[in-house]
């Protein structure tokens, strides 16, 4: 059981790192302008990657807690 939890932890860790690197940095110059009235929304694959990163991160944290209890 402990080996399976460790393997799951490694796979989730690699997945989180990969998803973070896949997220595009965006147009940092226009987003740093405080006076800009344009609102930015994530659309398409950018939104899917963002939501997937959050979900995998929560699963990673949950599996870390479970592994700590074993």
PDB file of N, CA and C in Angstrom:
ATOM      1  N   UNK A   1       0.822  -1.197   0.000  1.00  0.00           N
ATOM      2  CA  UNK A   1       0.000   0.000   0.000  1.00  0.00           C
ATOM      3  C   UNK A   1       0.862   1.255   0.000  1.00  0.00           C
ATOM      4  N   UNK A   2       1.954   1.217   0.773  1.00  0.00           N
ATOM      5  CA  UNK A   2       2.821   2.376   0.863  1.00  0.00           C
ATOM      6  C   UNK A   2       3.531   2.637  -0.465  1.00  0.00           C
ATOM      7  N   UNK A   3       3.897   1.569  -1.172  1.00  0.00           N
ATOM      8  CA  UNK A   3       4.561   1.735  -2.466  1.00  0.00           C
ATOM      9  C   UNK A   3       3.589   2.330  -3.479  1.00  0.00           C
ATOM     10  N   UNK A   4       2.342   1.882  -3.470  1.00  0.00           N
ATOM     11  CA  UNK A   4       1.338   2.417  -4.387  1.00  0.00           C
ATOM     12  C   UNK A   4       1.082   3.898  -4.113  1.00  0.00           C
ATOM     13  N   UNK A   5       1.027   4.272  -2.849  1.00  0.00           N
ATOM     14  CA  UNK A   5       0.815   5.678  -2.496  1.00  0.00           C
ATOM     15  C   UNK A   5       1.995   6.539  -2.946  1.00  0.00           C
ATOM     16  N   UNK A   6       3.197   6.002  -2.835  1.00  0.00           N
ATOM     17  CA  UNK A   6       4.384   6.739  -3.274  1.00  0.00           C
ATOM     18  C   UNK A   6       4.392   6.920  -4.787  1.00  0.00           C
ATOM     19  N   UNK A   7       4.014   5.877  -5.516  1.00  0.00           N
ATOM     20  CA  UNK A   7       3.969   5.979  -6.977  1.00  0.00           C
ATOM     21  C   UNK A   7       2.910   6.986  -7.416  1.00  0.00           C
ATOM     22  N   UNK A   8       1.745   6.958  -6.774  1.00  0.00           N
ATOM     23  CA  UNK A   8       0.691   7.930  -7.082  1.00  0.00           C
ATOM     24  C   UNK A   8       1.180   9.346  -6.785  1.00  0.00           C
ATOM     25  N   UNK A   9       1.890   9.511  -5.685  1.00  0.00           N
ATOM     26  CA  UNK A   9       2.426  10.819  -5.301  1.00  0.00           C
ATOM     27  C   UNK A   9       3.409  11.336  -6.346  1.00  0.00           C
ATOM     28  N   UNK A  10       4.268  10.463  -6.846  1.00  0.00           N
ATOM     29  CA  UNK A  10       5.252  10.866  -7.860  1.00  0.00           C
ATOM     30  C   UNK A  10       4.554  11.263  -9.158  1.00  0.00           C
ATOM     31  N   UNK A  11       3.571  10.470  -9.578  1.00  0.00           N
ATOM     32  CA  UNK A  11       2.844  10.776 -10.814  1.00  0.00           C
ATOM     33  C   UNK A  11       2.094  12.092 -10.692  1.00  0.00           C
ATOM     34  N   UNK A  12       1.440  12.316  -9.554  1.00  0.00           N
ATOM     35  CA  UNK A  12       0.719  13.575  -9.357  1.00  0.00           C
ATOM     36  C   UNK A  12       1.666  14.767  -9.291  1.00  0.00           C
ATOM     37  N   UNK A  13       2.828  14.590  -8.662  1.00  0.00           N
ATOM     38  CA  UNK A  13       3.805  15.673  -8.590  1.00  0.00           C
ATOM     39  C   UNK A  13       4.319  16.068  -9.965  1.00  0.00           C
ATOM     40  N   UNK A  14       4.632  15.061 -10.792  1.00  0.00           N
ATOM     41  CA  UNK A  14       5.098  15.345 -12.152  1.00  0.00           C
ATOM     42  C   UNK A  14       3.982  16.001 -12.965  1.00  0.00           C
ATOM     43  N   UNK A  15       2.741  15.568 -12.747  1.00  0.00           N
ATOM     44  CA  UNK A  15       1.605  16.156 -13.459  1.00  0.00           C
ATOM     45  C   UNK A  15       1.406  17.621 -13.091  1.00  0.00           C
ATOM     46  N   UNK A  16       1.519  17.944 -11.812  1.00  0.00           N
ATOM     47  CA  UNK A  16       1.348  19.335 -11.373  1.00  0.00           C
ATOM     48  C   UNK A  16       2.432  20.224 -11.984  1.00  0.00           C
ATOM     49  N   UNK A  17       3.670  19.762 -11.945  1.00  0.00           N
ATOM     50  CA  UNK A  17       4.772  20.552 -12.504  1.00  0.00           C
ATOM     51  C   UNK A  17       4.569  20.750 -14.003  1.00  0.00           C
ATOM     52  N   UNK A  18       4.171  19.694 -14.712  1.00  0.00           N
ATOM     53  CA  UNK A  18       3.952  19.798 -16.154  1.00  0.00           C
ATOM     54  C   UNK A  18       2.819  20.765 -16.475  1.00  0.00           C
ATOM     55  N   UNK A  19       1.727  20.680 -15.733  1.00  0.00           N
ATOM     56  CA  UNK A  19       0.604  21.586 -15.984  1.00  0.00           C
ATOM     57  C   UNK A  19       0.965  23.036 -15.701  1.00  0.00           C
ATOM     58  N   UNK A  20       1.781  23.275 -14.695  1.00  0.00           N
ATOM     59  CA  UNK A  20       2.200  24.641 -14.397  1.00  0.00           C
ATOM     60  C   UNK A  20       3.071  25.191 -15.518  1.00  0.00           C
ATOM     61  N   UNK A  21       3.969  24.353 -16.043  1.00  0.00           N
ATOM     62  CA  UNK A  21       4.824  24.810 -17.134  1.00  0.00           C
ATOM     63  C   UNK A  21       4.049  24.995 -18.436  1.00  0.00           C
ATOM     64  N   UNK A  22       2.935  24.282 -18.617  1.00  0.00           N
ATOM     65  CA  UNK A  22       2.143  24.422 -19.834  1.00  0.00           C
ATOM     66  C   UNK A  22       1.333  25.717 -19.866  1.00  0.00           C
ATOM     67  N   UNK A  23       1.098  26.298 -18.720  1.00  0.00           N
ATOM     68  CA  UNK A  23       0.314  27.526 -18.689  1.00  0.00           C
ATOM     69  C   UNK A  23       1.123  28.660 -19.287  1.00  0.00           C
ATOM     70  N   UNK A  24       0.493  29.369 -20.191  1.00  0.00           N
ATOM     71  CA  UNK A  24       1.193  30.463 -20.855  1.00  0.00           C
ATOM     72  C   UNK A  24       1.277  31.664 -19.924  1.00  0.00           C
ATOM     73  N   UNK A  25       2.382  32.402 -19.992  1.00  0.00           N
ATOM     74  CA  UNK A  25       2.521  33.570 -19.119  1.00  0.00           C
ATOM     75  C   UNK A  25       1.598  34.713 -19.520  1.00  0.00           C
ATOM     76  N   UNK A  26       1.079  34.702 -20.735  1.00  0.00           N
ATOM     77  CA  UNK A  26       0.169  35.754 -21.175  1.00  0.00           C
ATOM     78  C   UNK A  26       0.914  37.002 -21.582  1.00  0.00           C
ATOM     79  N   UNK A  27       0.178  38.044 -21.817  1.00  0.00           N
ATOM     80  CA  UNK A  27       0.746  39.324 -22.208  1.00  0.00           C
ATOM     81  C   UNK A  27       0.971  40.139 -20.944  1.00  0.00           C
ATOM     82  N   UNK A  28       2.150  40.027 -20.369  1.00  0.00           N
ATOM     83  CA  UNK A  28       2.415  40.613 -19.054  1.00  0.00           C
ATOM     84  C   UNK A  28       2.432  42.139 -19.074  1.00  0.00           C
ATOM     85  N   UNK A  29       2.780  42.736 -20.217  1.00  0.00           N
ATOM     86  CA  UNK A  29       2.833  44.194 -20.262  1.00  0.00           C
ATOM     87  C   UNK A  29       1.452  44.810 -20.142  1.00  0.00           C
ATOM     88  N   UNK A  30       0.474  44.275 -20.862  1.00  0.00           N
ATOM     89  CA  UNK A  30      -0.860  44.873 -20.809  1.00  0.00           C
ATOM     90  C   UNK A  30      -1.579  44.531 -19.508  1.00  0.00           C
ATOM     91  N   UNK A  31      -1.239  43.392 -18.899  1.00  0.00           N
ATOM     92  CA  UNK A  31      -1.894  43.023 -17.640  1.00  0.00           C
ATOM     93  C   UNK A  31      -1.322  43.788 -16.454  1.00  0.00           C
ATOM     94  N   UNK A  32      -0.140  44.335 -16.590  1.00  0.00           N
ATOM     95  CA  UNK A  32       0.463  45.065 -15.476  1.00  0.00           C
ATOM     96  C   UNK A  32      -0.015  46.510 -15.406  1.00  0.00           C
ATOM     97  N   UNK A  33      -0.724  46.963 -16.417  1.00  0.00           N
ATOM     98  CA  UNK A  33      -1.227  48.327 -16.429  1.00  0.00           C
ATOM     99  C   UNK A  33      -2.456  48.420 -15.536  1.00  0.00           C
ATOM    100  N   UNK A  34      -2.325  49.120 -14.434  1.00  0.00           N
ATOM    101  CA  UNK A  34      -3.411  49.220 -13.455  1.00  0.00           C
ATOM    102  C   UNK A  34      -4.580  50.036 -14.004  1.00  0.00           C
ATOM    103  N   UNK A  35      -4.307  51.000 -14.852  1.00  0.00           N
ATOM    104  CA  UNK A  35      -5.349  51.878 -15.359  1.00  0.00           C
ATOM    105  C   UNK A  35      -6.138  51.261 -16.503  1.00  0.00           C
ATOM    106  N   UNK A  36      -5.763  50.080 -16.959  1.00  0.00           N
ATOM    107  CA  UNK A  36      -6.448  49.440 -18.071  1.00  0.00           C
ATOM    108  C   UNK A  36      -7.850  49.011 -17.642  1.00  0.00           C
ATOM    109  N   UNK A  37      -8.847  49.279 -18.499  1.00  0.00           N
ATOM    110  CA  UNK A  37     -10.220  48.901 -18.192  1.00  0.00           C
ATOM    111  C   UNK A  37     -10.594  47.566 -18.832  1.00  0.00           C
ATOM    112  N   UNK A  38      -9.655  46.960 -19.543  1.00  0.00           N
ATOM    113  CA  UNK A  38      -9.937  45.690 -20.206  1.00  0.00           C
ATOM    114  C   UNK A  38      -9.923  44.567 -19.181  1.00  0.00           C
ATOM    115  N   UNK A  39     -10.958  43.718 -19.218  1.00  0.00           N
ATOM    116  CA  UNK A  39     -10.979  42.567 -18.317  1.00  0.00           C
ATOM    117  C   UNK A  39     -10.480  41.346 -19.086  1.00  0.00           C
ATOM    118  N   UNK A  40      -9.673  40.537 -18.430  1.00  0.00           N
ATOM    119  CA  UNK A  40      -9.098  39.362 -19.059  1.00  0.00           C
ATOM    120  C   UNK A  40      -9.767  38.117 -18.506  1.00  0.00           C
ATOM    121  N   UNK A  41     -10.152  37.230 -19.405  1.00  0.00           N
ATOM    122  CA  UNK A  41     -10.747  35.971 -19.008  1.00  0.00           C
ATOM    123  C   UNK A  41      -9.986  34.839 -19.685  1.00  0.00           C
ATOM    124  N   UNK A  42      -9.881  33.743 -18.978  1.00  0.00           N
ATOM    125  CA  UNK A  42      -9.262  32.564 -19.558  1.00  0.00           C
ATOM    126  C   UNK A  42     -10.300  31.867 -20.429  1.00  0.00           C
ATOM    127  N   UNK A  43      -9.874  31.470 -21.638  1.00  0.00           N
ATOM    128  CA  UNK A  43     -10.791  30.809 -22.556  1.00  0.00           C
ATOM    129  C   UNK A  43     -10.105  29.628 -23.199  1.00  0.00           C
ATOM    130  N   UNK A  44     -10.884  28.658 -23.586  1.00  0.00           N
ATOM    131  CA  UNK A  44     -10.372  27.516 -24.330  1.00  0.00           C
ATOM    132  C   UNK A  44      -9.411  26.673 -23.514  1.00  0.00           C
ATOM    133  N   UNK A  45      -8.288  26.313 -24.158  1.00  0.00           N
ATOM    134  CA  UNK A  45      -7.307  25.425 -23.515  1.00  0.00           C
ATOM    135  C   UNK A  45      -6.651  26.060 -22.305  1.00  0.00           C
ATOM    136  N   UNK A  46      -6.555  27.392 -22.303  1.00  0.00           N
ATOM    137  CA  UNK A  46      -5.952  28.064 -21.156  1.00  0.00           C
ATOM    138  C   UNK A  46      -6.805  27.835 -19.904  1.00  0.00           C
ATOM    139  N   UNK A  47      -8.122  27.892 -20.060  1.00  0.00           N
ATOM    140  CA  UNK A  47      -9.022  27.660 -18.930  1.00  0.00           C
ATOM    141  C   UNK A  47      -9.001  26.197 -18.503  1.00  0.00           C
ATOM    142  N   UNK A  48      -8.980  25.280 -19.489  1.00  0.00           N
ATOM    143  CA  UNK A  48      -8.938  23.844 -19.177  1.00  0.00           C
ATOM    144  C   UNK A  48      -7.659  23.515 -18.415  1.00  0.00           C
ATOM    145  N   UNK A  49      -6.527  24.060 -18.856  1.00  0.00           N
ATOM    146  CA  UNK A  49      -5.259  23.822 -18.178  1.00  0.00           C
ATOM    147  C   UNK A  49      -5.270  24.392 -16.773  1.00  0.00           C
ATOM    148  N   UNK A  50      -5.847  25.576 -16.599  1.00  0.00           N
ATOM    149  CA  UNK A  50      -5.922  26.227 -15.296  1.00  0.00           C
ATOM    150  C   UNK A  50      -6.754  25.405 -14.320  1.00  0.00           C
ATOM    151  N   UNK A  51      -7.937  24.977 -14.751  1.00  0.00           N
ATOM    152  CA  UNK A  51      -8.828  24.202 -13.877  1.00  0.00           C
ATOM    153  C   UNK A  51      -8.209  22.842 -13.573  1.00  0.00           C
ATOM    154  N   UNK A  52      -7.598  22.209 -14.578  1.00  0.00           N
ATOM    155  CA  UNK A  52      -6.959  20.912 -14.367  1.00  0.00           C
ATOM    156  C   UNK A  52      -5.817  21.026 -13.373  1.00  0.00           C
ATOM    157  N   UNK A  53      -5.059  22.107 -13.433  1.00  0.00           N
ATOM    158  CA  UNK A  53      -3.968  22.321 -12.487  1.00  0.00           C
ATOM    159  C   UNK A  53      -4.501  22.416 -11.062  1.00  0.00           C
ATOM    160  N   UNK A  54      -5.594  23.114 -10.873  1.00  0.00           N
ATOM    161  CA  UNK A  54      -6.186  23.253  -9.543  1.00  0.00           C
ATOM    162  C   UNK A  54      -6.677  21.902  -9.031  1.00  0.00           C
ATOM    163  N   UNK A  55      -7.355  21.143  -9.887  1.00  0.00           N
ATOM    164  CA  UNK A  55      -7.894  19.842  -9.478  1.00  0.00           C
ATOM    165  C   UNK A  55      -6.763  18.880  -9.123  1.00  0.00           C
ATOM    166  N   UNK A  56      -5.742  18.809  -9.973  1.00  0.00           N
ATOM    167  CA  UNK A  56      -4.622  17.896  -9.712  1.00  0.00           C
ATOM    168  C   UNK A  56      -3.862  18.332  -8.460  1.00  0.00           C
ATOM    169  N   UNK A  57      -3.765  19.625  -8.219  1.00  0.00           N
ATOM    170  CA  UNK A  57      -3.094  20.110  -7.013  1.00  0.00           C
ATOM    171  C   UNK A  57      -3.835  19.680  -5.748  1.00  0.00           C
ATOM    172  N   UNK A  58      -5.170  19.778  -5.769  1.00  0.00           N
ATOM    173  CA  UNK A  58      -5.947  19.330  -4.614  1.00  0.00           C
ATOM    174  C   UNK A  58      -5.831  17.823  -4.403  1.00  0.00           C
ATOM    175  N   UNK A  59      -5.830  17.056  -5.497  1.00  0.00           N
ATOM    176  CA  UNK A  59      -5.649  15.610  -5.375  1.00  0.00           C
ATOM    177  C   UNK A  59      -4.268  15.299  -4.817  1.00  0.00           C
ATOM    178  N   UNK A  60      -3.253  16.057  -5.243  1.00  0.00           N
ATOM    179  CA  UNK A  60      -1.888  15.882  -4.740  1.00  0.00           C
ATOM    180  C   UNK A  60      -1.823  16.142  -3.234  1.00  0.00           C
ATOM    181  N   UNK A  61      -2.456  17.223  -2.791  1.00  0.00           N
ATOM    182  CA  UNK A  61      -2.466  17.553  -1.364  1.00  0.00           C
ATOM    183  C   UNK A  61      -3.218  16.489  -0.572  1.00  0.00           C
ATOM    184  N   UNK A  62      -4.357  16.044  -1.096  1.00  0.00           N
ATOM    185  CA  UNK A  62      -5.139  15.014  -0.427  1.00  0.00           C
ATOM    186  C   UNK A  62      -4.361  13.702  -0.322  1.00  0.00           C
ATOM    187  N   UNK A  63      -3.676  13.325  -1.408  1.00  0.00           N
ATOM    188  CA  UNK A  63      -2.889  12.093  -1.363  1.00  0.00           C
ATOM    189  C   UNK A  63      -1.692  12.229  -0.429  1.00  0.00           C
ATOM    190  N   UNK A  64      -1.154  13.437  -0.293  1.00  0.00           N
ATOM    191  CA  UNK A  64      -0.068  13.668   0.653  1.00  0.00           C
ATOM    192  C   UNK A  64      -0.539  13.464   2.086  1.00  0.00           C
ATOM    193  N   UNK A  65      -1.733  13.954   2.387  1.00  0.00           N
ATOM    194  CA  UNK A  65      -2.282  13.761   3.724  1.00  0.00           C
ATOM    195  C   UNK A  65      -2.549  12.285   4.017  1.00  0.00           C
ATOM    196  N   UNK A  66      -3.082  11.586   3.029  1.00  0.00           N
ATOM    197  CA  UNK A  66      -3.344  10.151   3.211  1.00  0.00           C
ATOM    198  C   UNK A  66      -2.039   9.382   3.408  1.00  0.00           C
ATOM    199  N   UNK A  67      -1.018   9.737   2.616  1.00  0.00           N
ATOM    200  CA  UNK A  67       0.263   9.040   2.752  1.00  0.00           C
ATOM    201  C   UNK A  67       0.900   9.339   4.095  1.00  0.00           C
ATOM    202  N   UNK A  68       0.705  10.521   4.629  1.00  0.00           N
ATOM    203  CA  UNK A  68       1.270  10.866   5.932  1.00  0.00           C
ATOM    204  C   UNK A  68       0.592  10.077   7.055  1.00  0.00           C
ATOM    205  N   UNK A  69      -0.673   9.704   6.846  1.00  0.00           N
ATOM    206  CA  UNK A  69      -1.394   8.948   7.861  1.00  0.00           C
ATOM    207  C   UNK A  69      -1.037   7.458   7.841  1.00  0.00           C
ATOM    208  N   UNK A  70      -0.483   6.972   6.737  1.00  0.00           N
ATOM    209  CA  UNK A  70      -0.155   5.546   6.645  1.00  0.00           C
ATOM    210  C   UNK A  70       1.044   5.176   7.454  1.00  0.00           C
TER     211      UNK A  70
END
